[in-house]
Amino acid sequence: MKQDKAIARRQLHQAVQIPAAAARSFLLEREDDSYASLEWLSRYGALASQWFGTTRQFRVALRIAEFKLLFLDGNSQVAGAYILNNRTWAEATDWVKHLLEEFGLPVAAYHLDLPYEIPKYATSKRRPFEHQPPQAFSEMARYFSMTDEILKNQTKYLPNASPIRCWPHHFDMSTLITIKSSYDPEQVKSVSAGFSPGDNSYHEPYFFITPWPYPNAEITDLPDLADKNFWHTAGWTGLILSAESIIHTASSEMAELAKFFAKGIPVVQALIED
């Protein structure tokens, strides 16, 4: 099952570039790349691009569990859907272009030029996407949904917490809690809390709380932790909860994850406070 989740994650990482590209193609560029970030839509179980368009607004979304693209209009109604299973990257992007043309948007503006590199997945080289096994995709959708719901509840009274965004570069979803703002980037202090479907540090899905700047783990007294949390200290410092370690029943997963963020954010914040 570990390999199944890794395969699902790689395909989702590739596919999520398609909706992100829609916003990147039609919106004004922002230095922090937030205009290409995605929002979790619980109604559809999907990661959706920012709104784009002029006289009418649209967004492209990736429905995680069903592994399909959605084209949404300004009322968040589905104007088109495209199942990715057995379809290639080129076929999927052609479908997006077809919808853009149908709704009067300049197709030539749509591009897939990325300001970053992602791994060279097989699906970017004409190999069709595969929605196999479906359980791995459903599990990813559940983790995105839980993270979004819990962090929205826990940060709604924090004016210094950013919207919860999924970043297509690393394919992680998080909120950024600013502890100390400054015009000098070297003086900014913040805490990032969220979910990663897996990466070079951990191939399995995990939840994280990381401080910025990273404290030197060799000289910092990281507090001992109970439960299943642990510190990551190789290259970056952060508090980690692996998805595999939490109890896989709906109520227990939510309770454990809510506890992780509620207790962990103050612990991590204390590492960077003056």
C-alpha atoms as a PDB file:
ATOM      1  CA  MET A   1       0.000   0.000   0.000  1.00  0.00           C
ATOM      2  CA  LYS A   2       2.952   2.359   0.604  1.00  0.00           C
ATOM      3  CA  GLN A   3       3.980   2.032  -3.027  1.00  0.00           C
ATOM      4  CA  ASP A   4       0.367   2.603  -4.113  1.00  0.00           C
ATOM      5  CA  LYS A   5       0.236   5.910  -2.227  1.00  0.00           C
ATOM      6  CA  ALA A   6       3.541   7.013  -3.703  1.00  0.00           C
ATOM      7  CA  ILE A   7       2.292   6.292  -7.225  1.00  0.00           C
ATOM      8  CA  ALA A   8      -0.965   8.156  -6.553  1.00  0.00           C
ATOM      9  CA  ARG A   9       0.936  11.103  -5.109  1.00  0.00           C
ATOM     10  CA  ARG A  10       3.226  11.373  -8.130  1.00  0.00           C
ATOM     11  CA  GLN A  11       0.298  11.357 -10.549  1.00  0.00           C
ATOM     12  CA  LEU A  12      -1.637  13.910  -8.496  1.00  0.00           C
ATOM     13  CA  HIS A  13       1.434  16.146  -8.307  1.00  0.00           C
ATOM     14  CA  GLN A  14       1.686  16.082 -12.076  1.00  0.00           C
ATOM     15  CA  ALA A  15      -2.048  16.591 -12.620  1.00  0.00           C
ATOM     16  CA  VAL A  16      -2.404  19.488 -10.179  1.00  0.00           C
ATOM     17  CA  GLN A  17      -0.157  21.571 -12.440  1.00  0.00           C
ATOM     18  CA  ILE A  18      -3.043  21.711 -14.930  1.00  0.00           C
ATOM     19  CA  PRO A  19      -5.466  23.790 -12.803  1.00  0.00           C
ATOM     20  CA  ALA A  20      -2.585  25.820 -11.360  1.00  0.00           C
ATOM     21  CA  ALA A  21      -1.538  26.692 -14.913  1.00  0.00           C
ATOM     22  CA  ALA A  22      -4.963  28.143 -15.669  1.00  0.00           C
ATOM     23  CA  ALA A  23      -4.604  30.811 -12.987  1.00  0.00           C
ATOM     24  CA  ARG A  24      -0.937  31.323 -13.832  1.00  0.00           C
ATOM     25  CA  SER A  25      -1.935  31.967 -17.460  1.00  0.00           C
ATOM     26  CA  PHE A  26      -4.702  34.514 -16.864  1.00  0.00           C
ATOM     27  CA  LEU A  27      -3.919  36.325 -13.602  1.00  0.00           C
ATOM     28  CA  LEU A  28      -1.352  38.978 -12.824  1.00  0.00           C
ATOM     29  CA  GLU A  29       1.833  37.488 -11.466  1.00  0.00           C
ATOM     30  CA  ARG A  30       2.583  37.771  -7.756  1.00  0.00           C
ATOM     31  CA  GLU A  31       6.067  37.528  -6.360  1.00  0.00           C
ATOM     32  CA  ASP A  32       5.093  34.852  -3.815  1.00  0.00           C
ATOM     33  CA  ASP A  33       3.375  32.739  -6.551  1.00  0.00           C
ATOM     34  CA  SER A  34       0.156  32.698  -4.502  1.00  0.00           C
ATOM     35  CA  TYR A  35      -1.875  33.470  -7.635  1.00  0.00           C
ATOM     36  CA  ALA A  36      -1.137  29.906  -8.791  1.00  0.00           C
ATOM     37  CA  SER A  37      -1.943  28.306  -5.423  1.00  0.00           C
ATOM     38  CA  LEU A  38      -5.036  26.151  -4.996  1.00  0.00           C
ATOM     39  CA  GLU A  39      -7.919  26.076  -2.549  1.00  0.00           C
ATOM     40  CA  TRP A  40      -9.623  22.991  -1.141  1.00  0.00           C
ATOM     41  CA  LEU A  41     -13.312  22.834  -2.093  1.00  0.00           C
ATOM     42  CA  SER A  42     -15.002  20.485   0.365  1.00  0.00           C
ATOM     43  CA  ARG A  43     -18.153  20.501  -1.780  1.00  0.00           C
ATOM     44  CA  TYR A  44     -16.278  18.680  -4.542  1.00  0.00           C
ATOM     45  CA  GLY A  45     -13.351  17.152  -2.683  1.00  0.00           C
ATOM     46  CA  ALA A  46     -11.143  19.084  -5.081  1.00  0.00           C
ATOM     47  CA  LEU A  47      -8.173  21.425  -5.222  1.00  0.00           C
ATOM     48  CA  ALA A  48      -9.259  24.444  -7.246  1.00  0.00           C
ATOM     49  CA  SER A  49      -7.323  27.208  -8.952  1.00  0.00           C
ATOM     50  CA  GLN A  50      -7.877  30.876  -8.190  1.00  0.00           C
ATOM     51  CA  TRP A  51     -10.725  32.518 -10.096  1.00  0.00           C
ATOM     52  CA  PHE A  52      -9.804  33.889 -13.517  1.00  0.00           C
ATOM     53  CA  GLY A  53     -11.644  35.520 -16.404  1.00  0.00           C
ATOM     54  CA  THR A  54     -13.041  38.974 -17.175  1.00  0.00           C
ATOM     55  CA  THR A  55     -16.763  39.212 -17.903  1.00  0.00           C
ATOM     56  CA  ARG A  56     -17.235  35.735 -16.413  1.00  0.00           C
ATOM     57  CA  GLN A  57     -15.211  34.002 -13.751  1.00  0.00           C
ATOM     58  CA  PHE A  58     -13.948  30.429 -13.946  1.00  0.00           C
ATOM     59  CA  ARG A  59     -11.657  28.061 -12.147  1.00  0.00           C
ATOM     60  CA  VAL A  60     -10.169  24.636 -12.927  1.00  0.00           C
ATOM     61  CA  ALA A  61     -10.074  22.010 -10.189  1.00  0.00           C
ATOM     62  CA  LEU A  62      -8.663  18.550  -9.595  1.00  0.00           C
ATOM     63  CA  ARG A  63     -11.053  16.211  -7.817  1.00  0.00           C
ATOM     64  CA  ILE A  64      -8.677  13.992  -5.854  1.00  0.00           C
ATOM     65  CA  ALA A  65     -10.595  10.797  -5.009  1.00  0.00           C
ATOM     66  CA  GLU A  66     -12.159  10.391  -8.464  1.00  0.00           C
ATOM     67  CA  PHE A  67      -9.018  11.705 -10.210  1.00  0.00           C
ATOM     68  CA  LYS A  68     -10.855  14.006 -12.579  1.00  0.00           C
ATOM     69  CA  LEU A  69     -10.614  17.605 -13.711  1.00  0.00           C
ATOM     70  CA  LEU A  70     -13.515  19.995 -13.196  1.00  0.00           C
ATOM     71  CA  PHE A  71     -14.229  23.271 -14.984  1.00  0.00           C
ATOM     72  CA  LEU A  72     -16.274  25.516 -12.673  1.00  0.00           C
ATOM     73  CA  ASP A  73     -18.174  28.687 -13.523  1.00  0.00           C
ATOM     74  CA  GLY A  74     -18.669  31.762 -11.359  1.00  0.00           C
ATOM     75  CA  ASN A  75     -21.439  30.099  -9.359  1.00  0.00           C
ATOM     76  CA  SER A  76     -19.159  27.124  -8.631  1.00  0.00           C
ATOM     77  CA  GLN A  77     -21.305  24.969 -10.865  1.00  0.00           C
ATOM     78  CA  VAL A  78     -19.616  22.247 -12.912  1.00  0.00           C
ATOM     79  CA  ALA A  79     -19.394  23.395 -16.523  1.00  0.00           C
ATOM     80  CA  GLY A  80     -17.308  20.394 -17.548  1.00  0.00           C
ATOM     81  CA  ALA A  81     -15.620  17.281 -16.135  1.00  0.00           C
ATOM     82  CA  TYR A  82     -12.809  15.145 -17.460  1.00  0.00           C
ATOM     83  CA  ILE A  83     -11.793  11.739 -16.064  1.00  0.00           C
ATOM     84  CA  LEU A  84      -8.001  11.397 -16.127  1.00  0.00           C
ATOM     85  CA  ASN A  85      -7.804   7.618 -15.947  1.00  0.00           C
ATOM     86  CA  ASN A  86      -6.255   6.258 -19.180  1.00  0.00           C
ATOM     87  CA  ARG A  87      -5.809   9.801 -20.515  1.00  0.00           C
ATOM     88  CA  THR A  88      -2.503  11.464 -21.244  1.00  0.00           C
ATOM     89  CA  TRP A  89      -1.204  14.807 -20.032  1.00  0.00           C
ATOM     90  CA  ALA A  90      -1.605  16.229 -23.554  1.00  0.00           C
ATOM     91  CA  GLU A  91      -5.210  15.039 -23.819  1.00  0.00           C
ATOM     92  CA  ALA A  92      -6.037  16.596 -20.444  1.00  0.00           C
ATOM     93  CA  THR A  93      -4.571  19.978 -21.350  1.00  0.00           C
ATOM     94  CA  ASP A  94      -6.349  19.890 -24.725  1.00  0.00           C
ATOM     95  CA  TRP A  95      -9.622  19.426 -22.819  1.00  0.00           C
ATOM     96  CA  VAL A  96      -8.910  22.534 -20.737  1.00  0.00           C
ATOM     97  CA  LYS A  97      -8.143  24.514 -23.902  1.00  0.00           C
ATOM     98  CA  HIS A  98     -11.412  23.326 -25.438  1.00  0.00           C
ATOM     99  CA  LEU A  99     -13.385  24.649 -22.447  1.00  0.00           C
ATOM    100  CA  LEU A 100     -11.487  27.932 -22.468  1.00  0.00           C
ATOM    101  CA  GLU A 101     -12.378  28.395 -26.128  1.00  0.00           C
ATOM    102  CA  GLU A 102     -15.993  27.417 -25.523  1.00  0.00           C
ATOM    103  CA  PHE A 103     -16.364  30.149 -22.900  1.00  0.00           C
ATOM    104  CA  GLY A 104     -14.607  32.803 -24.939  1.00  0.00           C
ATOM    105  CA  LEU A 105     -11.248  32.906 -23.208  1.00  0.00           C
ATOM    106  CA  PRO A 106      -8.033  33.345 -25.224  1.00  0.00           C
ATOM    107  CA  VAL A 107      -6.744  29.814 -25.623  1.00  0.00           C
ATOM    108  CA  ALA A 108      -3.333  31.022 -26.746  1.00  0.00           C
ATOM    109  CA  ALA A 109      -2.785  32.539 -23.294  1.00  0.00           C
ATOM    110  CA  TYR A 110      -2.951  29.146 -21.589  1.00  0.00           C
ATOM    111  CA  HIS A 111       0.545  27.834 -20.971  1.00  0.00           C
ATOM    112  CA  LEU A 112       2.290  25.264 -18.805  1.00  0.00           C
ATOM    113  CA  ASP A 113       5.549  27.128 -18.220  1.00  0.00           C
ATOM    114  CA  LEU A 114       6.518  26.588 -14.592  1.00  0.00           C
ATOM    115  CA  PRO A 115       8.870  28.833 -12.578  1.00  0.00           C
ATOM    116  CA  TYR A 116      10.064  25.699 -10.774  1.00  0.00           C
ATOM    117  CA  GLU A 117      10.879  22.099 -11.534  1.00  0.00           C
ATOM    118  CA  ILE A 118       8.896  19.076 -10.462  1.00  0.00           C
ATOM    119  CA  PRO A 119      10.100  15.472 -10.780  1.00  0.00           C
ATOM    120  CA  LYS A 120       9.980  13.977 -14.259  1.00  0.00           C
ATOM    121  CA  TYR A 121       7.041  11.665 -13.753  1.00  0.00           C
ATOM    122  CA  ALA A 122       6.154   9.062 -16.354  1.00  0.00           C
ATOM    123  CA  THR A 123       2.832  10.798 -17.023  1.00  0.00           C
ATOM    124  CA  SER A 124       4.685  13.826 -18.385  1.00  0.00           C
ATOM    125  CA  LYS A 125       6.194  11.589 -21.085  1.00  0.00           C
ATOM    126  CA  ARG A 126       3.039  10.434 -22.883  1.00  0.00           C
ATOM    127  CA  ARG A 127       2.205   7.652 -20.443  1.00  0.00           C
ATOM    128  CA  PRO A 128      -1.515   7.735 -19.522  1.00  0.00           C
ATOM    129  CA  PHE A 129      -2.640   8.520 -16.005  1.00  0.00           C
ATOM    130  CA  GLU A 130      -3.883   5.525 -14.003  1.00  0.00           C
ATOM    131  CA  HIS A 131      -6.480   5.760 -11.262  1.00  0.00           C
ATOM    132  CA  GLN A 132      -5.115   2.698  -9.497  1.00  0.00           C
ATOM    133  CA  PRO A 133      -5.751   1.760  -6.807  1.00  0.00           C
ATOM    134  CA  PRO A 134      -8.692   4.101  -6.129  1.00  0.00           C
ATOM    135  CA  GLN A 135      -8.242   3.685  -2.355  1.00  0.00           C
ATOM    136  CA  ALA A 136      -4.917   5.523  -2.450  1.00  0.00           C
ATOM    137  CA  PHE A 137      -6.533   8.539  -4.127  1.00  0.00           C
ATOM    138  CA  SER A 138      -9.442   8.482  -1.662  1.00  0.00           C
ATOM    139  CA  GLU A 139      -6.990   8.445   1.234  1.00  0.00           C
ATOM    140  CA  MET A 140      -5.175  11.486  -0.135  1.00  0.00           C
ATOM    141  CA  ALA A 141      -8.497  13.309  -0.502  1.00  0.00           C
ATOM    142  CA  ARG A 142      -9.374  12.520   3.105  1.00  0.00           C
ATOM    143  CA  TYR A 143      -6.099  13.950   4.385  1.00  0.00           C
ATOM    144  CA  PHE A 144      -6.493  17.158   2.385  1.00  0.00           C
ATOM    145  CA  SER A 145     -10.066  17.514   3.626  1.00  0.00           C
ATOM    146  CA  MET A 146      -9.189  16.925   7.288  1.00  0.00           C
ATOM    147  CA  THR A 147      -6.278  19.350   7.175  1.00  0.00           C
ATOM    148  CA  ASP A 148      -8.396  22.072   5.585  1.00  0.00           C
ATOM    149  CA  GLU A 149     -11.279  21.668   8.051  1.00  0.00           C
ATOM    150  CA  ILE A 150      -9.134  21.512  11.178  1.00  0.00           C
ATOM    151  CA  LEU A 151      -6.832  24.387  10.272  1.00  0.00           C
ATOM    152  CA  LYS A 152      -9.791  26.596   9.316  1.00  0.00           C
ATOM    153  CA  ASN A 153     -11.333  25.939  12.728  1.00  0.00           C
ATOM    154  CA  GLN A 154      -8.100  26.530  14.607  1.00  0.00           C
ATOM    155  CA  THR A 155      -6.984  29.671  12.772  1.00  0.00           C
ATOM    156  CA  LYS A 156     -10.262  31.524  12.197  1.00  0.00           C
ATOM    157  CA  TYR A 157      -9.548  33.769  15.199  1.00  0.00           C
ATOM    158  CA  LEU A 158      -5.910  34.338  14.233  1.00  0.00           C
ATOM    159  CA  PRO A 159      -5.700  37.509  12.083  1.00  0.00           C
ATOM    160  CA  ASN A 160      -2.060  36.701  11.334  1.00  0.00           C
ATOM    161  CA  ALA A 161      -2.870  33.326   9.741  1.00  0.00           C
ATOM    162  CA  SER A 162      -2.892  33.170   5.940  1.00  0.00           C
ATOM    163  CA  PRO A 163      -5.583  31.423   3.891  1.00  0.00           C
ATOM    164  CA  ILE A 164      -5.016  27.687   3.634  1.00  0.00           C
ATOM    165  CA  ARG A 165      -3.369  27.093   0.286  1.00  0.00           C
ATOM    166  CA  CYS A 166      -2.042  24.135  -1.664  1.00  0.00           C
ATOM    167  CA  TRP A 167       1.218  24.999  -3.383  1.00  0.00           C
ATOM    168  CA  PRO A 168       1.648  23.134  -6.687  1.00  0.00           C
ATOM    169  CA  HIS A 169       5.443  23.273  -6.506  1.00  0.00           C
ATOM    170  CA  HIS A 170       5.807  20.857  -3.586  1.00  0.00           C
ATOM    171  CA  PHE A 171       2.130  19.789  -3.598  1.00  0.00           C
ATOM    172  CA  ASP A 172       1.723  20.582   0.107  1.00  0.00           C
ATOM    173  CA  MET A 173      -1.170  22.446   1.743  1.00  0.00           C
ATOM    174  CA  SER A 174      -0.640  24.811   4.657  1.00  0.00           C
ATOM    175  CA  THR A 175      -1.400  28.028   6.469  1.00  0.00           C
ATOM    176  CA  LEU A 176       1.338  30.497   7.341  1.00  0.00           C
ATOM    177  CA  ILE A 177       1.043  32.098  10.777  1.00  0.00           C
ATOM    178  CA  THR A 178       3.103  35.277  10.944  1.00  0.00           C
ATOM    179  CA  ILE A 179       4.670  35.761  14.371  1.00  0.00           C
ATOM    180  CA  LYS A 180       6.803  38.796  13.518  1.00  0.00           C
ATOM    181  CA  SER A 181       6.488  40.707  10.260  1.00  0.00           C
ATOM    182  CA  SER A 182       9.225  42.885   8.828  1.00  0.00           C
ATOM    183  CA  TYR A 183      10.343  44.555   5.616  1.00  0.00           C
ATOM    184  CA  ASP A 184      13.603  42.736   6.157  1.00  0.00           C
ATOM    185  CA  PRO A 185      13.072  39.066   5.155  1.00  0.00           C
ATOM    186  CA  GLU A 186      15.813  38.078   7.599  1.00  0.00           C
ATOM    187  CA  GLN A 187      13.697  39.389  10.475  1.00  0.00           C
ATOM    188  CA  VAL A 188      10.403  37.689   9.577  1.00  0.00           C
ATOM    189  CA  LYS A 189       9.269  34.946  11.935  1.00  0.00           C
ATOM    190  CA  SER A 190       6.467  32.526  11.118  1.00  0.00           C
ATOM    191  CA  VAL A 191       5.007  29.072  11.662  1.00  0.00           C
ATOM    192  CA  SER A 192       3.732  26.915   8.800  1.00  0.00           C
ATOM    193  CA  ALA A 193       1.218  24.157   9.571  1.00  0.00           C
ATOM    194  CA  GLY A 194      -0.211  21.721   7.089  1.00  0.00           C
ATOM    195  CA  PHE A 195      -0.102  18.469   5.145  1.00  0.00           C
ATOM    196  CA  SER A 196       2.267  16.891   2.623  1.00  0.00           C
ATOM    197  CA  PRO A 197       1.278  13.855   0.505  1.00  0.00           C
ATOM    198  CA  GLY A 198       4.965  12.879   0.636  1.00  0.00           C
ATOM    199  CA  ASP A 199       8.253  14.221  -0.669  1.00  0.00           C
ATOM    200  CA  ASN A 200      12.009  13.620  -0.634  1.00  0.00           C
ATOM    201  CA  SER A 201      12.056  13.661   3.157  1.00  0.00           C
ATOM    202  CA  TYR A 202       9.202  11.179   3.638  1.00  0.00           C
ATOM    203  CA  HIS A 203       7.616   9.110   0.897  1.00  0.00           C
ATOM    204  CA  GLU A 204       4.508   8.591   3.036  1.00  0.00           C
ATOM    205  CA  PRO A 205       1.883  11.313   3.681  1.00  0.00           C
ATOM    206  CA  TYR A 206       2.540  13.396   6.800  1.00  0.00           C
ATOM    207  CA  PHE A 207       1.401  16.472   8.709  1.00  0.00           C
ATOM    208  CA  PHE A 208       3.855  19.159   9.746  1.00  0.00           C
ATOM    209  CA  ILE A 209       4.415  22.287  11.819  1.00  0.00           C
ATOM    210  CA  THR A 210       7.593  24.162  10.950  1.00  0.00           C
ATOM    211  CA  PRO A 211       9.126  27.392  12.286  1.00  0.00           C
ATOM    212  CA  TRP A 212      10.879  30.070  10.280  1.00  0.00           C
ATOM    213  CA  PRO A 213      13.694  30.685  10.590  1.00  0.00           C
ATOM    214  CA  TYR A 214      14.682  27.098  11.269  1.00  0.00           C
ATOM    215  CA  PRO A 215      16.446  26.805  14.615  1.00  0.00           C
ATOM    216  CA  ASN A 216      19.778  25.036  14.689  1.00  0.00           C
ATOM    217  CA  ALA A 217      18.751  21.557  15.842  1.00  0.00           C
ATOM    218  CA  GLU A 218      22.263  20.847  17.096  1.00  0.00           C
ATOM    219  CA  ILE A 219      22.154  23.597  19.717  1.00  0.00           C
ATOM    220  CA  THR A 220      18.404  24.052  20.241  1.00  0.00           C
ATOM    221  CA  ASP A 221      16.714  22.227  23.086  1.00  0.00           C
ATOM    222  CA  LEU A 222      13.796  20.674  21.246  1.00  0.00           C
ATOM    223  CA  PRO A 223      11.108  19.699  23.760  1.00  0.00           C
ATOM    224  CA  ASP A 224      10.414  16.037  24.403  1.00  0.00           C
ATOM    225  CA  LEU A 225       7.122  14.988  22.877  1.00  0.00           C
ATOM    226  CA  ALA A 226       4.502  12.506  23.886  1.00  0.00           C
ATOM    227  CA  ASP A 227       2.136  10.653  21.570  1.00  0.00           C
ATOM    228  CA  LYS A 228       3.289   9.900  18.024  1.00  0.00           C
ATOM    229  CA  ASN A 229       4.889  13.215  17.092  1.00  0.00           C
ATOM    230  CA  PHE A 230       8.581  13.512  16.320  1.00  0.00           C
ATOM    231  CA  TRP A 231      11.101  16.149  15.241  1.00  0.00           C
ATOM    232  CA  HIS A 232      12.561  16.289  11.773  1.00  0.00           C
ATOM    233  CA  THR A 233      16.019  17.898  11.865  1.00  0.00           C
ATOM    234  CA  ALA A 234      17.789  16.911   8.617  1.00  0.00           C
ATOM    235  CA  GLY A 235      17.992  20.027   6.422  1.00  0.00           C
ATOM    236  CA  TRP A 236      15.003  21.660   8.089  1.00  0.00           C
ATOM    237  CA  THR A 237      13.383  21.582  11.517  1.00  0.00           C
ATOM    238  CA  GLY A 238       9.767  20.735  12.120  1.00  0.00           C
ATOM    239  CA  LEU A 239       7.280  18.770  14.141  1.00  0.00           C
ATOM    240  CA  ILE A 240       5.923  15.760  12.236  1.00  0.00           C
ATOM    241  CA  LEU A 241       2.962  13.414  12.536  1.00  0.00           C
ATOM    242  CA  SER A 242       2.939  10.638   9.962  1.00  0.00           C
ATOM    243  CA  ALA A 243      -0.465   9.819   8.477  1.00  0.00           C
ATOM    244  CA  GLU A 244       0.305   6.134   8.907  1.00  0.00           C
ATOM    245  CA  SER A 245       0.577   6.519  12.684  1.00  0.00           C
ATOM    246  CA  ILE A 246      -2.911   7.878  13.334  1.00  0.00           C
ATOM    247  CA  ILE A 247      -5.885   5.608  13.929  1.00  0.00           C
ATOM    248  CA  HIS A 248      -7.795   5.136  10.706  1.00  0.00           C
ATOM    249  CA  THR A 249     -11.347   5.736  11.805  1.00  0.00           C
ATOM    250  CA  ALA A 250     -13.068   8.999  10.963  1.00  0.00           C
ATOM    251  CA  SER A 251     -13.537  10.290  14.518  1.00  0.00           C
ATOM    252  CA  SER A 252     -10.120   9.197  15.758  1.00  0.00           C
ATOM    253  CA  GLU A 253      -8.258  10.648  12.768  1.00  0.00           C
ATOM    254  CA  MET A 254      -9.909  14.038  13.199  1.00  0.00           C
ATOM    255  CA  ALA A 255      -9.342  14.064  16.952  1.00  0.00           C
ATOM    256  CA  GLU A 256      -5.676  13.088  16.676  1.00  0.00           C
ATOM    257  CA  LEU A 257      -4.967  15.565  13.931  1.00  0.00           C
ATOM    258  CA  ALA A 258      -6.772  18.395  15.739  1.00  0.00           C
ATOM    259  CA  LYS A 259      -4.741  17.635  18.845  1.00  0.00           C
ATOM    260  CA  PHE A 260      -1.496  17.632  16.862  1.00  0.00           C
ATOM    261  CA  PHE A 261      -2.089  21.119  15.456  1.00  0.00           C
ATOM    262  CA  ALA A 262      -3.621  22.575  18.651  1.00  0.00           C
ATOM    263  CA  LYS A 263      -0.766  21.427  20.875  1.00  0.00           C
ATOM    264  CA  GLY A 264       2.033  21.552  18.338  1.00  0.00           C
ATOM    265  CA  ILE A 265       1.656  25.095  16.984  1.00  0.00           C
ATOM    266  CA  PRO A 266       2.405  26.780  20.361  1.00  0.00           C
ATOM    267  CA  VAL A 267       5.343  24.411  20.913  1.00  0.00           C
ATOM    268  CA  VAL A 268       6.883  25.275  17.545  1.00  0.00           C
ATOM    269  CA  GLN A 269       6.112  28.982  17.934  1.00  0.00           C
ATOM    270  CA  ALA A 270       8.009  29.045  21.222  1.00  0.00           C
ATOM    271  CA  LEU A 271      11.178  28.023  19.353  1.00  0.00           C
ATOM    272  CA  ILE A 272      11.364  31.339  17.492  1.00  0.00           C
ATOM    273  CA  GLU A 273       9.911  33.806  19.972  1.00  0.00           C
ATOM    274  CA  ASP A 274      12.287  36.330  21.454  1.00  0.00           C
END
